[in-house]
């Protein structure tokens, strides 16, 4: 069984689990997001941005 990050750390207060839609929309304006898909379902994602030559 694959557990989500909240379950793994027994912490459901981490930002990805408490983020509001307006907060997500703001991040989409400044970051690139990639998704991982397995069997037609999104199973993970990562967001990144460039700062002083480092991503």
PDB file of N, CA and C in Angstrom:
ATOM      1  N   UNK A   1       0.841  -1.174   0.000  1.00  0.00           N
ATOM      2  CA  UNK A   1       0.000   0.000   0.000  1.00  0.00           C
ATOM      3  C   UNK A   1       0.891   1.243   0.000  1.00  0.00           C
ATOM      4  N   UNK A   2       0.528   2.215  -0.806  1.00  0.00           N
ATOM      5  CA  UNK A   2       1.257   3.479  -0.873  1.00  0.00           C
ATOM      6  C   UNK A   2       0.557   4.475   0.049  1.00  0.00           C
ATOM      7  N   UNK A   3       1.338   5.080   0.935  1.00  0.00           N
ATOM      8  CA  UNK A   3       0.793   6.072   1.853  1.00  0.00           C
ATOM      9  C   UNK A   3       1.182   7.468   1.401  1.00  0.00           C
ATOM     10  N   UNK A   4       0.287   8.410   1.623  1.00  0.00           N
ATOM     11  CA  UNK A   4       0.598   9.797   1.350  1.00  0.00           C
ATOM     12  C   UNK A   4       1.544  10.344   2.402  1.00  0.00           C
ATOM     13  N   UNK A   5       2.144  11.474   2.108  1.00  0.00           N
ATOM     14  CA  UNK A   5       3.116  12.080   3.014  1.00  0.00           C
ATOM     15  C   UNK A   5       2.529  12.354   4.397  1.00  0.00           C
ATOM     16  N   UNK A   6       1.284  12.798   4.466  1.00  0.00           N
ATOM     17  CA  UNK A   6       0.640  13.048   5.752  1.00  0.00           C
ATOM     18  C   UNK A   6       0.565  11.790   6.597  1.00  0.00           C
ATOM     19  N   UNK A   7       0.207  10.675   5.965  1.00  0.00           N
ATOM     20  CA  UNK A   7       0.110   9.407   6.689  1.00  0.00           C
ATOM     21  C   UNK A   7       1.486   8.910   7.108  1.00  0.00           C
ATOM     22  N   UNK A   8       2.469   9.040   6.240  1.00  0.00           N
ATOM     23  CA  UNK A   8       3.820   8.573   6.560  1.00  0.00           C
ATOM     24  C   UNK A   8       4.346   9.264   7.812  1.00  0.00           C
ATOM     25  N   UNK A   9       4.163  10.572   7.891  1.00  0.00           N
ATOM     26  CA  UNK A   9       4.695  11.349   9.014  1.00  0.00           C
ATOM     27  C   UNK A   9       3.665  11.606  10.114  1.00  0.00           C
ATOM     28  N   UNK A  10       2.458  11.071   9.929  1.00  0.00           N
ATOM     29  CA  UNK A  10       1.372  11.297  10.890  1.00  0.00           C
ATOM     30  C   UNK A  10       1.200  12.779  11.178  1.00  0.00           C
ATOM     31  N   UNK A  11       1.296  13.578  10.116  1.00  0.00           N
ATOM     32  CA  UNK A  11       1.171  15.030  10.226  1.00  0.00           C
ATOM     33  C   UNK A  11       0.320  15.521   9.057  1.00  0.00           C
ATOM     34  N   UNK A  12      -0.922  15.832   9.343  1.00  0.00           N
ATOM     35  CA  UNK A  12      -1.831  16.283   8.301  1.00  0.00           C
ATOM     36  C   UNK A  12      -1.927  17.807   8.255  1.00  0.00           C
ATOM     37  N   UNK A  13      -0.945  18.476   8.859  1.00  0.00           N
ATOM     38  CA  UNK A  13      -0.921  19.937   8.857  1.00  0.00           C
ATOM     39  C   UNK A  13       0.156  20.481   7.925  1.00  0.00           C
ATOM     40  N   UNK A  14       0.803  19.622   7.144  1.00  0.00           N
ATOM     41  CA  UNK A  14       1.842  20.091   6.227  1.00  0.00           C
ATOM     42  C   UNK A  14       1.201  20.944   5.132  1.00  0.00           C
ATOM     43  N   UNK A  15       1.923  21.938   4.619  1.00  0.00           N
ATOM     44  CA  UNK A  15       1.336  22.884   3.659  1.00  0.00           C
ATOM     45  C   UNK A  15       0.591  22.260   2.472  1.00  0.00           C
ATOM     46  N   UNK A  16       1.093  21.204   1.828  1.00  0.00           N
ATOM     47  CA  UNK A  16       0.324  20.672   0.692  1.00  0.00           C
ATOM     48  C   UNK A  16      -1.061  20.156   1.068  1.00  0.00           C
ATOM     49  N   UNK A  17      -1.273  19.832   2.329  1.00  0.00           N
ATOM     50  CA  UNK A  17      -2.562  19.299   2.758  1.00  0.00           C
ATOM     51  C   UNK A  17      -3.490  20.367   3.326  1.00  0.00           C
ATOM     52  N   UNK A  18      -2.964  21.555   3.562  1.00  0.00           N
ATOM     53  CA  UNK A  18      -3.784  22.621   4.139  1.00  0.00           C
ATOM     54  C   UNK A  18      -3.911  23.828   3.217  1.00  0.00           C
ATOM     55  N   UNK A  19      -3.240  23.766   2.085  1.00  0.00           N
ATOM     56  CA  UNK A  19      -3.203  24.882   1.146  1.00  0.00           C
ATOM     57  C   UNK A  19      -4.594  25.155   0.562  1.00  0.00           C
ATOM     58  N   UNK A  20      -4.933  26.430   0.481  1.00  0.00           N
ATOM     59  CA  UNK A  20      -6.218  26.825  -0.090  1.00  0.00           C
ATOM     60  C   UNK A  20      -6.100  26.918  -1.612  1.00  0.00           C
ATOM     61  N   UNK A  21      -7.242  26.946  -2.287  1.00  0.00           N
ATOM     62  CA  UNK A  21      -7.244  27.095  -3.741  1.00  0.00           C
ATOM     63  C   UNK A  21      -6.583  28.403  -4.174  1.00  0.00           C
ATOM     64  N   UNK A  22      -6.881  29.554  -3.540  1.00  0.00           N
ATOM     65  CA  UNK A  22      -6.191  30.786  -3.940  1.00  0.00           C
ATOM     66  C   UNK A  22      -4.659  30.694  -3.747  1.00  0.00           C
ATOM     67  N   UNK A  23      -4.214  30.010  -2.709  1.00  0.00           N
ATOM     68  CA  UNK A  23      -2.768  29.835  -2.512  1.00  0.00           C
ATOM     69  C   UNK A  23      -2.170  28.989  -3.628  1.00  0.00           C
ATOM     70  N   UNK A  24      -2.875  27.932  -4.022  1.00  0.00           N
ATOM     71  CA  UNK A  24      -2.399  27.090  -5.129  1.00  0.00           C
ATOM     72  C   UNK A  24      -2.355  27.875  -6.434  1.00  0.00           C
ATOM     73  N   UNK A  25      -3.394  28.649  -6.691  1.00  0.00           N
ATOM     74  CA  UNK A  25      -3.445  29.441  -7.920  1.00  0.00           C
ATOM     75  C   UNK A  25      -2.298  30.442  -7.966  1.00  0.00           C
ATOM     76  N   UNK A  26      -1.945  31.036  -6.833  1.00  0.00           N
ATOM     77  CA  UNK A  26      -0.832  31.977  -6.776  1.00  0.00           C
ATOM     78  C   UNK A  26       0.483  31.270  -7.094  1.00  0.00           C
ATOM     79  N   UNK A  27       0.670  30.051  -6.562  1.00  0.00           N
ATOM     80  CA  UNK A  27       1.892  29.292  -6.854  1.00  0.00           C
ATOM     81  C   UNK A  27       1.995  28.951  -8.335  1.00  0.00           C
ATOM     82  N   UNK A  28       0.870  28.653  -8.961  1.00  0.00           N
ATOM     83  CA  UNK A  28       0.888  28.294 -10.377  1.00  0.00           C
ATOM     84  C   UNK A  28       1.373  29.440 -11.258  1.00  0.00           C
ATOM     85  N   UNK A  29       1.287  30.661 -10.768  1.00  0.00           N
ATOM     86  CA  UNK A  29       1.746  31.825 -11.527  1.00  0.00           C
ATOM     87  C   UNK A  29       3.269  31.939 -11.544  1.00  0.00           C
ATOM     88  N   UNK A  30       3.955  31.301 -10.572  1.00  0.00           N
ATOM     89  CA  UNK A  30       5.392  31.505 -10.411  1.00  0.00           C
ATOM     90  C   UNK A  30       6.213  30.218 -10.398  1.00  0.00           C
ATOM     91  N   UNK A  31       5.562  29.088 -10.489  1.00  0.00           N
ATOM     92  CA  UNK A  31       6.280  27.825 -10.432  1.00  0.00           C
ATOM     93  C   UNK A  31       5.890  26.934 -11.602  1.00  0.00           C
ATOM     94  N   UNK A  32       6.728  25.957 -11.834  1.00  0.00           N
ATOM     95  CA  UNK A  32       6.441  24.901 -12.800  1.00  0.00           C
ATOM     96  C   UNK A  32       6.047  23.677 -11.983  1.00  0.00           C
ATOM     97  N   UNK A  33       4.961  23.013 -12.370  1.00  0.00           N
ATOM     98  CA  UNK A  33       4.509  21.822 -11.661  1.00  0.00           C
ATOM     99  C   UNK A  33       4.559  20.618 -12.591  1.00  0.00           C
ATOM    100  N   UNK A  34       5.033  19.513 -12.068  1.00  0.00           N
ATOM    101  CA  UNK A  34       5.056  18.240 -12.784  1.00  0.00           C
ATOM    102  C   UNK A  34       4.208  17.255 -11.999  1.00  0.00           C
ATOM    103  N   UNK A  35       3.573  16.331 -12.701  1.00  0.00           N
ATOM    104  CA  UNK A  35       2.765  15.325 -12.015  1.00  0.00           C
ATOM    105  C   UNK A  35       3.259  13.930 -12.374  1.00  0.00           C
ATOM    106  N   UNK A  36       3.085  13.008 -11.453  1.00  0.00           N
ATOM    107  CA  UNK A  36       3.379  11.595 -11.687  1.00  0.00           C
ATOM    108  C   UNK A  36       2.042  10.881 -11.823  1.00  0.00           C
ATOM    109  N   UNK A  37       1.911  10.071 -12.868  1.00  0.00           N
ATOM    110  CA  UNK A  37       0.659   9.370 -13.142  1.00  0.00           C
ATOM    111  C   UNK A  37       0.924   7.871 -13.192  1.00  0.00           C
ATOM    112  N   UNK A  38       0.073   7.098 -12.510  1.00  0.00           N
ATOM    113  CA  UNK A  38       0.135   5.635 -12.552  1.00  0.00           C
ATOM    114  C   UNK A  38      -1.284   5.118 -12.738  1.00  0.00           C
ATOM    115  N   UNK A  39      -1.452   4.246 -13.680  1.00  0.00           N
ATOM    116  CA  UNK A  39      -2.765   3.653 -13.964  1.00  0.00           C
ATOM    117  C   UNK A  39      -3.825   4.733 -14.172  1.00  0.00           C
ATOM    118  N   UNK A  40      -3.452   5.829 -14.827  1.00  0.00           N
ATOM    119  CA  UNK A  40      -4.398   6.881 -15.150  1.00  0.00           C
ATOM    120  C   UNK A  40      -4.752   7.804 -13.995  1.00  0.00           C
ATOM    121  N   UNK A  41      -4.092   7.667 -12.850  1.00  0.00           N
ATOM    122  CA  UNK A  41      -4.381   8.515 -11.683  1.00  0.00           C
ATOM    123  C   UNK A  41      -3.140   9.321 -11.307  1.00  0.00           C
ATOM    124  N   UNK A  42      -3.347  10.549 -10.877  1.00  0.00           N
ATOM    125  CA  UNK A  42      -2.234  11.357 -10.374  1.00  0.00           C
ATOM    126  C   UNK A  42      -1.842  10.791  -9.016  1.00  0.00           C
ATOM    127  N   UNK A  43      -0.573  10.403  -8.884  1.00  0.00           N
ATOM    128  CA  UNK A  43      -0.094   9.799  -7.639  1.00  0.00           C
ATOM    129  C   UNK A  43       0.964  10.653  -6.945  1.00  0.00           C
ATOM    130  N   UNK A  44       1.357  11.747  -7.579  1.00  0.00           N
ATOM    131  CA  UNK A  44       2.340  12.625  -6.967  1.00  0.00           C
ATOM    132  C   UNK A  44       2.538  13.865  -7.803  1.00  0.00           C
ATOM    133  N   UNK A  45       3.160  14.852  -7.200  1.00  0.00           N
ATOM    134  CA  UNK A  45       3.466  16.080  -7.928  1.00  0.00           C
ATOM    135  C   UNK A  45       4.628  16.788  -7.246  1.00  0.00           C
ATOM    136  N   UNK A  46       5.217  17.694  -7.999  1.00  0.00           N
ATOM    137  CA  UNK A  46       6.302  18.503  -7.468  1.00  0.00           C
ATOM    138  C   UNK A  46       6.232  19.865  -8.132  1.00  0.00           C
ATOM    139  N   UNK A  47       6.530  20.889  -7.368  1.00  0.00           N
ATOM    140  CA  UNK A  47       6.582  22.248  -7.907  1.00  0.00           C
ATOM    141  C   UNK A  47       7.986  22.793  -7.735  1.00  0.00           C
ATOM    142  N   UNK A  48       8.426  23.598  -8.685  1.00  0.00           N
ATOM    143  CA  UNK A  48       9.776  24.148  -8.613  1.00  0.00           C
ATOM    144  C   UNK A  48       9.801  25.552  -9.197  1.00  0.00           C
ATOM    145  N   UNK A  49      10.789  26.321  -8.777  1.00  0.00           N
ATOM    146  CA  UNK A  49      11.007  27.651  -9.340  1.00  0.00           C
ATOM    147  C   UNK A  49      12.501  27.904  -9.384  1.00  0.00           C
ATOM    148  N   UNK A  50      12.920  28.819 -10.238  1.00  0.00           N
ATOM    149  CA  UNK A  50      14.312  29.166 -10.426  1.00  0.00           C
ATOM    150  C   UNK A  50      14.664  30.364  -9.554  1.00  0.00           C
ATOM    151  N   UNK A  51      15.725  30.239  -8.762  1.00  0.00           N
ATOM    152  CA  UNK A  51      16.187  31.319  -7.921  1.00  0.00           C
ATOM    153  C   UNK A  51      17.704  31.348  -7.934  1.00  0.00           C
ATOM    154  N   UNK A  52      18.258  32.419  -8.438  1.00  0.00           N
ATOM    155  CA  UNK A  52      19.700  32.606  -8.526  1.00  0.00           C
ATOM    156  C   UNK A  52      20.393  31.421  -9.188  1.00  0.00           C
ATOM    157  N   UNK A  53      19.816  30.949 -10.293  1.00  0.00           N
ATOM    158  CA  UNK A  53      20.426  29.893 -11.073  1.00  0.00           C
ATOM    159  C   UNK A  53      20.204  28.486 -10.556  1.00  0.00           C
ATOM    160  N   UNK A  54      19.433  28.344  -9.494  1.00  0.00           N
ATOM    161  CA  UNK A  54      19.167  27.011  -8.933  1.00  0.00           C
ATOM    162  C   UNK A  54      17.665  26.747  -8.979  1.00  0.00           C
ATOM    163  N   UNK A  55      17.323  25.522  -9.356  1.00  0.00           N
ATOM    164  CA  UNK A  55      15.913  25.152  -9.419  1.00  0.00           C
ATOM    165  C   UNK A  55      15.590  24.236  -8.255  1.00  0.00           C
TER     166      UNK A  55
END
